[in-house]
């Protein structure tokens, strides 16, 4: 099923429905995890997710972003060859990341208490997600929102089902959660490669200029990827080292509840970016005013969601979270505001991606990441674990403001005159 035309509303509705379902299915596993896994084991799971979140973008090298940008130039290039060269880079990156993790396995263990075996599993899962992301990106660019949503939903269902099976029936604790995810994502990665091949989107030909273009697009974003992971997840590592694994587990549950807000903006951004790129290419002033109005409305909705989540969190915790994790409620408010600021950043940063000024994004991300580490250390020592949530909130706000100012400098938009 393909959505015809450039209807942002139609695409958003499908992405939102599929996003809520696919994100809601893993959310349903939270009652299981918080009842069958101890706070310290949940801390290990949280630290594993930090490692995964670190290697996922490094391995992907923003190949999906390069495909998104060049899809609208496909009349000038051999797009299947371009896509295939992206897959080649992805496979090479997977090997490099695996080797680096092996070399630094002792350091990683000291920081996270995650053993080398699970580092290998993280590499396989990250590769699988990145392979699936390519077909999902292609479907999103072609406005095949239904196919996009169906794959995401079925992957989440299999992930949830297998994880629940391993945790409850086989008593695998935090490891069972990862084992279930491993089987699910590898299966869908194989399916994704088959779909790409069957759809004639793979053409095995090495093209040096394409490899260079993909590399130059993604390499400047490595600092951005590292910075984003530090901003979003360094708090877990620092909490583990300052307060212990149990505190990390509690904090991670609070973060998962706060992340409910991201379901909406992730769905919106999926529909937004292709629509925005088409409008920017037309360079029409009326379109720009419309874009600004939508952006401000989006800001308001995110802040409203923070308020709603804050007042509804006691009910959510009583339903979805085990008794041993109830104190995690105190983290939700600060983390939810941080998630909202991250959502605001996500709608602004595509202007710099469109201009291929990815180095700016990388510089800002590293600066904010360094500030984030300092804030975490200072605020955790001063305020305890909640200081990490405050540090994350402040960091996402700084990143949003800086990117908004810089994108406005490089791509003029009627941010203060859209009503004229």
Protein backbone atom coordinates (compact mmCIF):
# COMPACT_ATOMS: atom_id res chain seq x y z
CA UNK A 1 0.00 0.00 0.00
CA UNK A 2 1.47 3.34 -1.03
CA UNK A 3 0.26 6.75 0.11
CA UNK A 4 -0.10 8.96 -2.91
CA UNK A 5 0.91 12.59 -3.02
CA UNK A 6 2.73 14.67 -0.47
CA UNK A 7 0.18 14.50 2.33
CA UNK A 8 2.06 15.04 5.56
CA UNK A 9 -1.10 14.40 7.58
CA UNK A 10 -1.77 11.00 5.99
CA UNK A 11 1.81 9.83 6.37
CA UNK A 12 1.93 11.09 9.95
CA UNK A 13 -1.27 9.24 10.85
CA UNK A 14 0.07 5.92 9.59
CA UNK A 15 3.49 6.43 11.16
CA UNK A 16 1.90 7.45 14.45
CA UNK A 17 -0.40 4.43 14.62
CA UNK A 18 2.39 2.02 13.70
CA UNK A 19 4.80 3.88 15.99
CA UNK A 20 2.47 3.63 18.96
CA UNK A 21 1.87 -0.06 18.35
CA UNK A 22 5.51 -0.99 17.68
CA UNK A 23 6.78 1.13 20.60
CA UNK A 24 3.87 0.08 22.81
CA UNK A 25 4.59 -3.63 22.41
CA UNK A 26 8.06 -3.38 24.01
CA UNK A 27 6.53 -1.06 26.62
CA UNK A 28 4.26 -3.94 27.62
CA UNK A 29 7.33 -5.94 28.59
CA UNK A 30 8.15 -3.39 31.30
CA UNK A 31 5.82 -5.05 33.88
CA UNK A 32 7.58 -8.35 33.18
CA UNK A 33 11.09 -6.94 33.41
CA UNK A 34 10.39 -4.99 36.61
CA UNK A 35 8.82 -8.05 38.27
CA UNK A 36 11.17 -10.81 37.10
CA UNK A 37 14.44 -8.85 37.04
CA UNK A 38 16.13 -7.25 40.06
CA UNK A 39 17.09 -3.57 40.09
CA UNK A 40 20.79 -4.46 39.79
CA UNK A 41 20.15 -6.79 36.82
CA UNK A 42 18.04 -4.06 35.24
CA UNK A 43 21.08 -1.85 35.71
CA UNK A 44 23.13 -4.34 33.69
CA UNK A 45 20.47 -4.31 30.97
CA UNK A 46 20.60 -0.49 30.99
CA UNK A 47 24.39 -0.52 30.62
CA UNK A 48 24.14 -3.02 27.77
CA UNK A 49 21.74 -0.62 26.05
CA UNK A 50 24.30 2.15 26.49
CA UNK A 51 26.89 0.07 24.61
CA UNK A 52 24.37 -0.81 21.91
CA UNK A 53 23.30 2.82 21.54
CA UNK A 54 26.95 3.79 21.15
CA UNK A 55 27.86 1.30 18.41
CA UNK A 56 24.57 1.52 16.48
CA UNK A 57 25.18 4.98 14.92
CA UNK A 58 28.94 4.44 14.62
CA UNK A 59 28.30 1.34 12.57
CA UNK A 60 25.51 2.93 10.55
CA UNK A 61 27.59 6.03 9.74
CA UNK A 62 24.33 7.83 8.86
CA UNK A 63 24.03 5.72 5.70
CA UNK A 64 20.24 6.03 5.98
CA UNK A 65 20.67 9.81 6.08
CA UNK A 66 22.83 9.76 2.94
CA UNK A 67 20.20 7.63 1.18
CA UNK A 68 17.49 10.06 2.27
CA UNK A 69 19.43 12.99 0.86
CA UNK A 70 20.40 11.36 -2.46
CA UNK A 71 17.02 9.73 -3.09
CA UNK A 72 15.84 13.12 -4.36
CA UNK A 73 18.84 13.24 -6.70
CA UNK A 74 18.23 9.76 -8.11
CA UNK A 75 17.65 11.15 -11.59
CA UNK A 76 21.36 12.05 -11.56
CA UNK A 77 22.78 8.84 -10.05
CA UNK A 78 22.38 5.06 -10.21
CA UNK A 79 20.53 4.82 -6.90
CA UNK A 80 20.63 0.97 -6.51
CA UNK A 81 24.42 1.11 -6.89
CA UNK A 82 24.54 3.97 -4.38
CA UNK A 83 22.44 1.95 -1.92
CA UNK A 84 24.57 -1.16 -2.39
CA UNK A 85 27.74 0.80 -1.70
CA UNK A 86 26.07 1.97 1.50
CA UNK A 87 25.54 -1.67 2.51
CA UNK A 88 29.22 -2.40 1.78
CA UNK A 89 30.30 0.44 4.07
CA UNK A 90 27.92 -0.86 6.75
CA UNK A 91 29.47 -4.35 6.66
CA UNK A 92 33.01 -2.92 6.83
CA UNK A 93 32.00 -0.72 9.77
CA UNK A 94 30.55 -3.73 11.60
CA UNK A 95 33.94 -5.47 11.41
CA UNK A 96 35.80 -2.34 12.57
CA UNK A 97 33.44 -1.80 15.51
CA UNK A 98 33.74 -5.45 16.50
CA UNK A 99 37.53 -5.29 16.47
CA UNK A 100 37.58 -2.06 18.53
CA UNK A 101 35.26 -3.53 21.14
CA UNK A 102 37.49 -6.60 21.39
CA UNK A 103 40.58 -4.44 21.87
CA UNK A 104 38.94 -2.32 24.58
CA UNK A 105 36.88 -5.11 26.15
CA UNK A 106 38.58 -4.79 29.55
CA UNK A 107 37.92 -1.05 29.76
CA UNK A 108 34.30 -1.52 28.70
CA UNK A 109 33.85 -4.19 31.37
CA UNK A 110 35.27 -1.95 34.10
CA UNK A 111 32.83 0.83 33.16
CA UNK A 112 29.70 -1.25 32.53
CA UNK A 113 30.28 -4.79 33.93
CA UNK A 114 29.27 -6.18 30.50
CA UNK A 115 31.36 -9.18 29.41
CA UNK A 116 32.97 -9.56 25.92
CA UNK A 117 30.41 -12.17 24.78
CA UNK A 118 27.57 -9.68 25.11
CA UNK A 119 29.63 -7.07 23.28
CA UNK A 120 29.68 -9.46 20.29
CA UNK A 121 25.92 -9.89 20.56
CA UNK A 122 25.54 -6.10 20.60
CA UNK A 123 27.50 -5.88 17.32
CA UNK A 124 25.27 -8.50 15.65
CA UNK A 125 22.09 -6.78 16.85
CA UNK A 126 23.34 -3.34 15.74
CA UNK A 127 24.23 -4.69 12.28
CA UNK A 128 20.80 -6.29 12.00
CA UNK A 129 18.99 -3.09 12.96
CA UNK A 130 21.06 -1.06 10.48
CA UNK A 131 20.31 -3.47 7.63
CA UNK A 132 16.59 -3.27 8.38
CA UNK A 133 16.85 0.52 8.64
CA UNK A 134 17.85 0.67 4.97
CA UNK A 135 14.63 -0.92 3.70
CA UNK A 136 12.61 1.13 6.21
CA UNK A 137 14.28 4.32 4.96
CA UNK A 138 13.54 3.38 1.37
CA UNK A 139 9.88 2.73 2.17
CA UNK A 140 9.62 6.01 4.06
CA UNK A 141 11.10 7.95 1.13
CA UNK A 142 8.65 6.27 -1.24
CA UNK A 143 5.75 7.07 1.13
CA UNK A 144 5.08 3.37 1.75
CA UNK A 145 4.05 4.07 5.31
CA UNK A 146 1.90 0.93 5.59
CA UNK A 147 4.81 -1.38 4.71
CA UNK A 148 7.04 0.59 7.05
CA UNK A 149 4.57 0.25 9.91
CA UNK A 150 3.86 -3.44 9.30
CA UNK A 151 7.51 -4.44 9.45
CA UNK A 152 8.10 -2.41 12.61
CA UNK A 153 5.04 -3.86 14.32
CA UNK A 154 5.79 -7.50 13.49
CA UNK A 155 9.43 -7.08 14.51
CA UNK A 156 8.35 -5.61 17.85
CA UNK A 157 5.81 -8.40 18.39
CA UNK A 158 8.42 -11.10 17.80
CA UNK A 159 10.92 -9.22 19.96
CA UNK A 160 8.42 -8.90 22.81
CA UNK A 161 7.19 -12.49 22.57
CA UNK A 162 10.62 -14.10 22.57
CA UNK A 163 11.94 -11.80 25.31
CA UNK A 164 8.96 -12.59 27.55
CA UNK A 165 9.45 -16.31 26.86
CA UNK A 166 13.13 -16.28 27.81
CA UNK A 167 12.69 -14.07 30.88
CA UNK A 168 9.60 -15.78 32.36
CA UNK A 169 9.84 -19.42 31.23
CA UNK A 170 13.60 -19.93 31.03
CA UNK A 171 14.49 -17.50 33.87
CA UNK A 172 17.21 -15.86 31.82
CA UNK A 173 16.89 -12.51 33.65
CA UNK A 174 18.36 -9.54 31.71
CA UNK A 175 20.11 -11.90 29.29
CA UNK A 176 16.77 -13.34 28.17
CA UNK A 177 15.65 -9.86 27.11
CA UNK A 178 18.68 -9.55 24.81
CA UNK A 179 18.41 -13.10 23.47
CA UNK A 180 14.81 -12.49 22.42
CA UNK A 181 15.82 -9.28 20.67
CA UNK A 182 18.74 -11.02 18.94
CA UNK A 183 16.57 -13.67 17.29
CA UNK A 184 13.90 -11.17 16.24
CA UNK A 185 16.18 -8.56 14.67
CA UNK A 186 18.41 -11.09 12.86
CA UNK A 187 15.33 -12.65 11.28
CA UNK A 188 14.06 -9.28 10.04
CA UNK A 189 17.53 -8.25 8.85
CA UNK A 190 17.63 -11.32 6.60
CA UNK A 191 14.10 -10.51 5.40
CA UNK A 192 15.14 -6.90 4.69
CA UNK A 193 18.10 -7.95 2.55
CA UNK A 194 15.81 -10.30 0.61
CA UNK A 195 13.27 -7.49 0.06
CA UNK A 196 16.01 -5.17 -1.21
CA UNK A 197 17.32 -7.84 -3.56
CA UNK A 198 13.88 -8.88 -4.76
CA UNK A 199 12.92 -5.24 -5.34
CA UNK A 200 16.03 -4.74 -7.48
CA UNK A 201 17.42 -2.11 -5.11
CA UNK A 202 20.74 -3.94 -4.89
CA UNK A 203 23.20 -3.67 -7.75
CA UNK A 204 26.60 -5.07 -6.82
CA UNK A 205 29.07 -2.63 -8.30
CA UNK A 206 31.80 -0.77 -6.44
CA UNK A 207 31.64 2.95 -7.17
CA UNK A 208 34.42 5.01 -5.60
CA UNK A 209 32.59 8.31 -5.99
CA UNK A 210 29.49 6.90 -4.25
CA UNK A 211 31.59 5.41 -1.46
CA UNK A 212 33.28 8.78 -1.02
CA UNK A 213 29.97 10.66 -0.99
CA UNK A 214 28.47 8.33 1.63
CA UNK A 215 31.62 8.51 3.73
CA UNK A 216 31.85 12.31 3.54
CA UNK A 217 28.20 12.60 4.52
CA UNK A 218 28.47 10.24 7.45
CA UNK A 219 32.01 10.72 8.77
CA UNK A 220 31.44 14.29 10.06
CA UNK A 221 28.43 12.89 11.92
CA UNK A 222 30.56 10.50 13.98
CA UNK A 223 31.19 13.24 16.57
CA UNK A 224 27.45 13.90 16.44
CA UNK A 225 26.67 10.23 17.05
CA UNK A 226 29.16 10.00 19.90
CA UNK A 227 27.86 13.24 21.36
CA UNK A 228 24.22 12.14 21.18
CA UNK A 229 24.99 8.87 22.95
CA UNK A 230 26.96 10.67 25.65
CA UNK A 231 24.14 13.16 26.19
CA UNK A 232 21.47 10.48 26.28
CA UNK A 233 23.26 7.63 28.06
CA UNK A 234 26.44 8.70 29.87
CA UNK A 235 24.28 9.29 32.94
CA UNK A 236 23.78 5.50 33.30
CA UNK A 237 27.53 4.84 33.36
CA UNK A 238 28.20 7.62 35.86
CA UNK A 239 25.30 6.51 38.08
CA UNK A 240 26.70 2.95 38.06
CA UNK A 241 30.10 4.20 39.16
CA UNK A 242 28.84 6.73 41.73
CA UNK A 243 25.62 5.16 43.03
CA UNK A 244 25.64 1.48 41.97
CA UNK A 245 23.79 -0.83 39.56
CA UNK A 246 20.49 -0.74 41.48
CA UNK A 247 20.28 3.04 41.10
CA UNK A 248 21.05 2.65 37.39
CA UNK A 249 18.18 0.18 37.08
CA UNK A 250 15.72 2.54 38.78
CA UNK A 251 16.88 5.47 36.65
CA UNK A 252 16.52 3.43 33.44
CA UNK A 253 12.89 2.63 34.27
CA UNK A 254 12.16 6.32 34.83
CA UNK A 255 13.79 7.07 31.48
CA UNK A 256 11.66 4.44 29.76
CA UNK A 257 8.46 6.03 31.06
CA UNK A 258 9.68 9.50 29.99
CA UNK A 259 10.44 8.12 26.53
CA UNK A 260 6.70 7.68 25.91
CA UNK A 261 6.78 11.26 24.57
CA UNK A 262 9.27 10.23 21.89
CA UNK A 263 6.71 7.90 20.31
CA UNK A 264 4.83 10.89 18.92
CA UNK A 265 7.76 12.93 17.71
CA UNK A 266 9.57 9.93 16.22
CA UNK A 267 6.47 9.16 14.18
CA UNK A 268 6.12 12.78 13.14
CA UNK A 269 9.78 13.16 12.13
CA UNK A 270 9.52 10.05 9.92
CA UNK A 271 6.80 11.78 7.92
CA UNK A 272 8.29 15.25 8.31
CA UNK A 273 11.77 14.86 6.80
CA UNK A 274 10.79 13.68 3.28
CA UNK A 275 8.01 16.31 3.17
CA UNK A 276 10.38 19.03 4.42
CA UNK A 277 13.09 18.18 1.88
CA UNK A 278 10.59 18.40 -0.95
CA UNK A 279 9.41 21.82 0.24
CA UNK A 280 12.96 23.14 0.75
CA UNK A 281 13.84 22.07 -2.77
CA UNK A 282 10.93 24.20 -4.11
CA UNK A 283 12.14 27.20 -2.05
CA UNK A 284 8.68 28.76 -1.84
CA UNK A 285 8.11 31.50 0.76
CA UNK A 286 4.54 30.44 1.52
CA UNK A 287 5.73 26.89 2.11
CA UNK A 288 8.36 28.21 4.51
CA UNK A 289 5.72 30.08 6.53
CA UNK A 290 3.66 26.90 6.70
CA UNK A 291 6.70 24.96 7.89
CA UNK A 292 7.33 27.47 10.68
CA UNK A 293 3.69 27.37 11.84
CA UNK A 294 3.79 23.56 11.99
CA UNK A 295 7.08 23.69 13.89
CA UNK A 296 5.75 26.02 16.58
CA UNK A 297 2.60 23.93 16.95
CA UNK A 298 4.80 20.86 17.36
CA UNK A 299 6.79 22.63 20.11
CA UNK A 300 3.58 23.41 21.99
CA UNK A 301 2.31 19.83 21.74
CA UNK A 302 5.56 18.43 23.12
CA UNK A 303 5.42 20.72 26.16
CA UNK A 304 1.78 19.78 26.72
CA UNK A 305 2.73 16.10 26.63
CA UNK A 306 5.33 16.69 29.34
CA UNK A 307 2.63 18.13 31.62
CA UNK A 308 0.24 15.27 30.88
CA UNK A 309 2.93 12.64 31.50
CA UNK A 310 4.02 14.29 34.75
CA UNK A 311 0.54 14.12 36.25
CA UNK A 312 -0.25 10.66 34.89
CA UNK A 313 3.03 9.00 35.87
CA UNK A 314 1.72 7.72 39.26
CA UNK A 315 -1.03 5.83 37.43
CA UNK A 316 1.39 4.51 34.80
CA UNK A 317 3.78 3.25 37.48
CA UNK A 318 1.01 1.55 39.43
CA UNK A 319 -0.05 -0.36 36.29
CA UNK A 320 3.18 -1.08 34.43
CA UNK A 321 6.02 -1.02 36.97
CA UNK A 322 6.84 -3.52 39.69
CA UNK A 323 6.88 -2.52 43.37
CA UNK A 324 10.65 -2.56 43.58
CA UNK A 325 10.90 0.18 40.94
CA UNK A 326 8.22 2.63 42.15
CA UNK A 327 10.76 5.19 43.41
CA UNK A 328 11.83 5.74 39.78
CA UNK A 329 8.88 8.16 39.46
CA UNK A 330 11.04 11.01 40.76
CA UNK A 331 13.12 10.98 37.57
CA UNK A 332 10.25 11.22 35.07
CA UNK A 333 9.62 14.98 35.09
CA UNK A 334 13.18 16.10 34.35
CA UNK A 335 13.75 13.31 31.84
CA UNK A 336 10.45 14.05 30.07
CA UNK A 337 11.43 17.71 29.60
CA UNK A 338 14.75 16.52 28.20
CA UNK A 339 12.95 14.19 25.77
CA UNK A 340 10.77 17.13 24.65
CA UNK A 341 13.83 19.31 23.97
CA UNK A 342 15.36 16.43 22.02
CA UNK A 343 12.17 16.26 19.97
CA UNK A 344 12.46 20.00 19.23
CA UNK A 345 16.04 19.48 18.15
CA UNK A 346 14.96 16.67 15.82
CA UNK A 347 12.64 18.94 13.84
CA UNK A 348 15.29 21.66 13.46
CA UNK A 349 18.43 19.69 12.60
CA UNK A 350 17.22 18.45 9.14
CA UNK A 351 17.98 21.92 7.69
CA UNK A 352 21.68 21.33 8.27
CA UNK A 353 21.44 17.78 6.91
CA UNK A 354 19.74 19.14 3.80
CA UNK A 355 22.64 21.56 3.29
CA UNK A 356 25.12 18.71 3.96
CA UNK A 357 26.64 20.78 6.77
CA UNK A 358 26.87 17.75 9.01
CA UNK A 359 30.16 18.94 10.52
CA UNK A 360 28.24 21.69 12.35
CA UNK A 361 25.98 19.10 13.95
CA UNK A 362 29.02 17.08 15.00
CA UNK A 363 30.80 20.04 16.60
CA UNK A 364 27.70 21.06 18.57
CA UNK A 365 27.09 17.49 19.73
CA UNK A 366 30.64 17.08 21.05
CA UNK A 367 30.57 20.44 22.85
CA UNK A 368 27.24 19.64 24.50
CA UNK A 369 28.42 16.10 25.31
CA UNK A 370 31.43 17.43 27.21
CA UNK A 371 29.17 19.86 29.07
CA UNK A 372 26.85 16.94 29.81
CA UNK A 373 29.60 14.86 31.41
CA UNK A 374 30.65 17.78 33.60
CA UNK A 375 27.04 18.48 34.58
CA UNK A 376 26.43 14.83 35.42
CA UNK A 377 29.46 14.64 37.68
CA UNK A 378 28.62 17.92 39.45
CA UNK A 379 24.88 17.34 39.81
CA UNK A 380 25.07 13.64 40.78
CA UNK A 381 27.52 14.53 43.55
CA UNK A 382 25.30 17.42 44.64
CA UNK A 383 21.75 16.10 44.17
CA UNK A 384 22.16 12.34 43.92
CA UNK A 385 20.73 10.29 41.05
CA UNK A 386 18.13 12.94 40.15
CA UNK A 387 21.07 15.20 39.28
CA UNK A 388 21.68 12.96 36.25
CA UNK A 389 18.14 13.64 35.02
CA UNK A 390 18.68 17.38 35.49
CA UNK A 391 21.98 17.22 33.59
CA UNK A 392 20.32 15.38 30.70
CA UNK A 393 17.51 17.95 30.55
CA UNK A 394 19.90 20.92 30.48
CA UNK A 395 22.09 19.26 27.83
CA UNK A 396 19.21 18.56 25.45
CA UNK A 397 18.04 22.16 25.87
CA UNK A 398 21.49 23.53 25.00
CA UNK A 399 21.74 21.28 21.97
CA UNK A 400 18.31 22.37 20.71
CA UNK A 401 19.03 26.09 21.11
CA UNK A 402 22.48 25.94 19.50
CA UNK A 403 21.27 23.95 16.49
CA UNK A 404 18.27 26.27 16.05
CA UNK A 405 20.54 29.33 16.02
CA UNK A 406 23.03 27.76 13.61
CA UNK A 407 20.44 26.31 11.24
CA UNK A 408 18.79 29.75 11.12
CA UNK A 409 22.12 31.28 10.18
CA UNK A 410 22.76 28.88 7.29
CA UNK A 411 19.19 28.42 6.05
CA UNK A 412 16.94 31.46 6.35
CA UNK A 413 13.44 30.74 7.57
CA UNK A 414 10.72 33.22 8.66
CA UNK A 415 10.93 32.20 12.31
CA UNK A 416 9.69 35.59 13.52
CA UNK A 417 7.68 36.81 10.53
CA UNK A 418 5.69 33.75 9.46
CA UNK A 419 2.38 35.50 10.24
CA UNK A 420 2.93 38.28 7.67
